[in-house]
């Protein structure tokens, strides 16, 4: 089990945050909350499905926590949200800019 940070496209909801800025925000959040980041996952350009992190969680790594810059990085389409929840329901999601975290369907 490990903790990962996930960088996505520069367009995050109302924000434009390049990946190096996303990393700085998430690393600061992790430090303030005593979380040890073990892996950094870059999602592909203009992807909003979080497919890479789901694939890694299923096949290799088993994440217990993931940190995203913002809740706006979650998939927009309902079928993609359902897929994420089915694959990662037991993972605790942290959103650095909003300062919130939780897990499961009720939280997300």
C-alpha atoms as a PDB file:
ATOM      1  CA  UNK A   1       0.000   0.000   0.000  1.00  0.00           C
ATOM      2  CA  UNK A   2       1.293   3.429  -0.874  1.00  0.00           C
ATOM      3  CA  UNK A   3       0.461   7.098  -1.330  1.00  0.00           C
ATOM      4  CA  UNK A   4       0.570   8.722  -4.773  1.00  0.00           C
ATOM      5  CA  UNK A   5       0.226  12.192  -6.209  1.00  0.00           C
ATOM      6  CA  UNK A   6      -1.425  12.570  -9.605  1.00  0.00           C
ATOM      7  CA  UNK A   7      -0.693  15.342 -12.077  1.00  0.00           C
ATOM      8  CA  UNK A   8      -3.145  16.007 -14.879  1.00  0.00           C
ATOM      9  CA  UNK A   9      -3.680  18.476 -17.701  1.00  0.00           C
ATOM     10  CA  UNK A  10      -2.954  22.164 -17.078  1.00  0.00           C
ATOM     11  CA  UNK A  11      -6.712  22.966 -17.246  1.00  0.00           C
ATOM     12  CA  UNK A  12      -8.233  22.134 -13.855  1.00  0.00           C
ATOM     13  CA  UNK A  13     -11.752  23.498 -13.590  1.00  0.00           C
ATOM     14  CA  UNK A  14     -11.411  27.277 -13.346  1.00  0.00           C
ATOM     15  CA  UNK A  15      -7.629  27.036 -12.798  1.00  0.00           C
ATOM     16  CA  UNK A  16      -4.631  26.722 -15.112  1.00  0.00           C
ATOM     17  CA  UNK A  17      -1.906  24.947 -13.151  1.00  0.00           C
ATOM     18  CA  UNK A  18       1.088  23.408 -14.937  1.00  0.00           C
ATOM     19  CA  UNK A  19       2.302  20.022 -13.708  1.00  0.00           C
ATOM     20  CA  UNK A  20       5.270  21.477 -11.796  1.00  0.00           C
ATOM     21  CA  UNK A  21       2.825  23.777  -9.947  1.00  0.00           C
ATOM     22  CA  UNK A  22       0.526  20.836  -9.243  1.00  0.00           C
ATOM     23  CA  UNK A  23       3.483  18.930  -7.776  1.00  0.00           C
ATOM     24  CA  UNK A  24       4.426  21.867  -5.552  1.00  0.00           C
ATOM     25  CA  UNK A  25       0.855  22.207  -4.256  1.00  0.00           C
ATOM     26  CA  UNK A  26       0.453  18.478  -3.592  1.00  0.00           C
ATOM     27  CA  UNK A  27       3.891  18.111  -1.964  1.00  0.00           C
ATOM     28  CA  UNK A  28       3.146  21.067   0.320  1.00  0.00           C
ATOM     29  CA  UNK A  29      -0.226  19.518   1.218  1.00  0.00           C
ATOM     30  CA  UNK A  30       1.445  16.152   1.924  1.00  0.00           C
ATOM     31  CA  UNK A  31       4.080  17.769   4.130  1.00  0.00           C
ATOM     32  CA  UNK A  32       1.499  19.751   6.132  1.00  0.00           C
ATOM     33  CA  UNK A  33      -0.563  16.589   6.664  1.00  0.00           C
ATOM     34  CA  UNK A  34       2.353  14.242   7.446  1.00  0.00           C
ATOM     35  CA  UNK A  35       1.777  12.125   4.328  1.00  0.00           C
ATOM     36  CA  UNK A  36       4.720  10.376   2.683  1.00  0.00           C
ATOM     37  CA  UNK A  37       4.422  10.402  -1.120  1.00  0.00           C
ATOM     38  CA  UNK A  38       5.916   7.276  -2.632  1.00  0.00           C
ATOM     39  CA  UNK A  39       4.952   7.627  -6.287  1.00  0.00           C
ATOM     40  CA  UNK A  40       4.125  10.471  -8.696  1.00  0.00           C
ATOM     41  CA  UNK A  41       1.754   9.582 -11.533  1.00  0.00           C
ATOM     42  CA  UNK A  42       1.441  11.813 -14.593  1.00  0.00           C
ATOM     43  CA  UNK A  43      -1.869  11.374 -16.391  1.00  0.00           C
ATOM     44  CA  UNK A  44      -1.800  11.908 -20.182  1.00  0.00           C
ATOM     45  CA  UNK A  45      -2.376  15.348 -21.690  1.00  0.00           C
ATOM     46  CA  UNK A  46      -6.110  16.281 -21.895  1.00  0.00           C
ATOM     47  CA  UNK A  47      -7.139  13.115 -20.075  1.00  0.00           C
ATOM     48  CA  UNK A  48      -9.794  13.412 -17.410  1.00  0.00           C
ATOM     49  CA  UNK A  49     -10.506   9.750 -16.722  1.00  0.00           C
ATOM     50  CA  UNK A  50      -7.661   9.039 -14.260  1.00  0.00           C
ATOM     51  CA  UNK A  51      -7.113   5.840 -16.277  1.00  0.00           C
ATOM     52  CA  UNK A  52      -3.383   5.566 -15.539  1.00  0.00           C
ATOM     53  CA  UNK A  53      -3.834   5.617 -11.771  1.00  0.00           C
ATOM     54  CA  UNK A  54      -6.681   3.086 -12.020  1.00  0.00           C
ATOM     55  CA  UNK A  55      -4.542   0.775 -14.159  1.00  0.00           C
ATOM     56  CA  UNK A  56      -1.590   1.010 -11.752  1.00  0.00           C
ATOM     57  CA  UNK A  57      -3.844   0.439  -8.736  1.00  0.00           C
ATOM     58  CA  UNK A  58      -5.384  -2.639 -10.328  1.00  0.00           C
ATOM     59  CA  UNK A  59      -2.235  -4.215 -11.807  1.00  0.00           C
ATOM     60  CA  UNK A  60       0.733  -3.276  -9.711  1.00  0.00           C
ATOM     61  CA  UNK A  61       0.646  -0.747  -6.915  1.00  0.00           C
ATOM     62  CA  UNK A  62      -2.221  -0.859  -4.415  1.00  0.00           C
ATOM     63  CA  UNK A  63      -2.746   2.693  -3.325  1.00  0.00           C
ATOM     64  CA  UNK A  64      -4.276   3.458   0.028  1.00  0.00           C
ATOM     65  CA  UNK A  65      -4.155   7.243  -0.575  1.00  0.00           C
ATOM     66  CA  UNK A  66      -3.992   9.473  -3.640  1.00  0.00           C
ATOM     67  CA  UNK A  67      -3.516  13.228  -3.645  1.00  0.00           C
ATOM     68  CA  UNK A  68      -4.922  15.458  -6.368  1.00  0.00           C
ATOM     69  CA  UNK A  69      -4.506  19.200  -6.650  1.00  0.00           C
ATOM     70  CA  UNK A  70      -8.246  19.805  -6.877  1.00  0.00           C
ATOM     71  CA  UNK A  71     -11.585  18.036  -6.907  1.00  0.00           C
ATOM     72  CA  UNK A  72     -11.957  19.469 -10.425  1.00  0.00           C
ATOM     73  CA  UNK A  73      -9.514  16.796 -11.623  1.00  0.00           C
ATOM     74  CA  UNK A  74     -12.092  14.049 -11.138  1.00  0.00           C
ATOM     75  CA  UNK A  75     -13.757  12.742 -14.288  1.00  0.00           C
ATOM     76  CA  UNK A  76     -16.743  14.748 -15.487  1.00  0.00           C
ATOM     77  CA  UNK A  77     -18.772  12.025 -17.196  1.00  0.00           C
ATOM     78  CA  UNK A  78     -20.864   9.859 -14.877  1.00  0.00           C
ATOM     79  CA  UNK A  79     -19.743   6.571 -16.440  1.00  0.00           C
ATOM     80  CA  UNK A  80     -16.095   7.517 -15.812  1.00  0.00           C
ATOM     81  CA  UNK A  81     -16.881   8.456 -12.187  1.00  0.00           C
ATOM     82  CA  UNK A  82     -18.640   5.098 -11.733  1.00  0.00           C
ATOM     83  CA  UNK A  83     -15.623   3.280 -13.181  1.00  0.00           C
ATOM     84  CA  UNK A  84     -13.279   5.167 -10.843  1.00  0.00           C
ATOM     85  CA  UNK A  85     -15.461   4.337  -7.839  1.00  0.00           C
ATOM     86  CA  UNK A  86     -15.706   0.674  -8.793  1.00  0.00           C
ATOM     87  CA  UNK A  87     -11.935   0.387  -9.189  1.00  0.00           C
ATOM     88  CA  UNK A  88     -10.815   2.561  -6.276  1.00  0.00           C
ATOM     89  CA  UNK A  89     -13.627   2.602  -3.727  1.00  0.00           C
ATOM     90  CA  UNK A  90     -11.235   1.628  -0.915  1.00  0.00           C
ATOM     91  CA  UNK A  91      -8.724   4.423  -1.682  1.00  0.00           C
ATOM     92  CA  UNK A  92      -8.664   7.655   0.332  1.00  0.00           C
ATOM     93  CA  UNK A  93      -8.752  10.710  -1.971  1.00  0.00           C
ATOM     94  CA  UNK A  94      -7.136  13.986  -0.870  1.00  0.00           C
ATOM     95  CA  UNK A  95      -7.794  17.305  -2.649  1.00  0.00           C
ATOM     96  CA  UNK A  96      -5.041  19.780  -1.798  1.00  0.00           C
ATOM     97  CA  UNK A  97      -6.599  23.098  -2.841  1.00  0.00           C
ATOM     98  CA  UNK A  98      -9.911  22.351  -1.156  1.00  0.00           C
ATOM     99  CA  UNK A  99      -8.226  20.816   1.907  1.00  0.00           C
ATOM    100  CA  UNK A 100     -10.619  17.870   2.059  1.00  0.00           C
ATOM    101  CA  UNK A 101     -10.240  14.095   1.988  1.00  0.00           C
ATOM    102  CA  UNK A 102     -12.312  10.956   2.284  1.00  0.00           C
ATOM    103  CA  UNK A 103     -13.153   7.713   0.574  1.00  0.00           C
ATOM    104  CA  UNK A 104     -16.026   5.852  -0.991  1.00  0.00           C
ATOM    105  CA  UNK A 105     -19.103   6.707  -2.980  1.00  0.00           C
ATOM    106  CA  UNK A 106     -20.604   9.044  -0.407  1.00  0.00           C
ATOM    107  CA  UNK A 107     -17.480  11.195  -0.306  1.00  0.00           C
ATOM    108  CA  UNK A 108     -16.832  11.394  -4.044  1.00  0.00           C
END
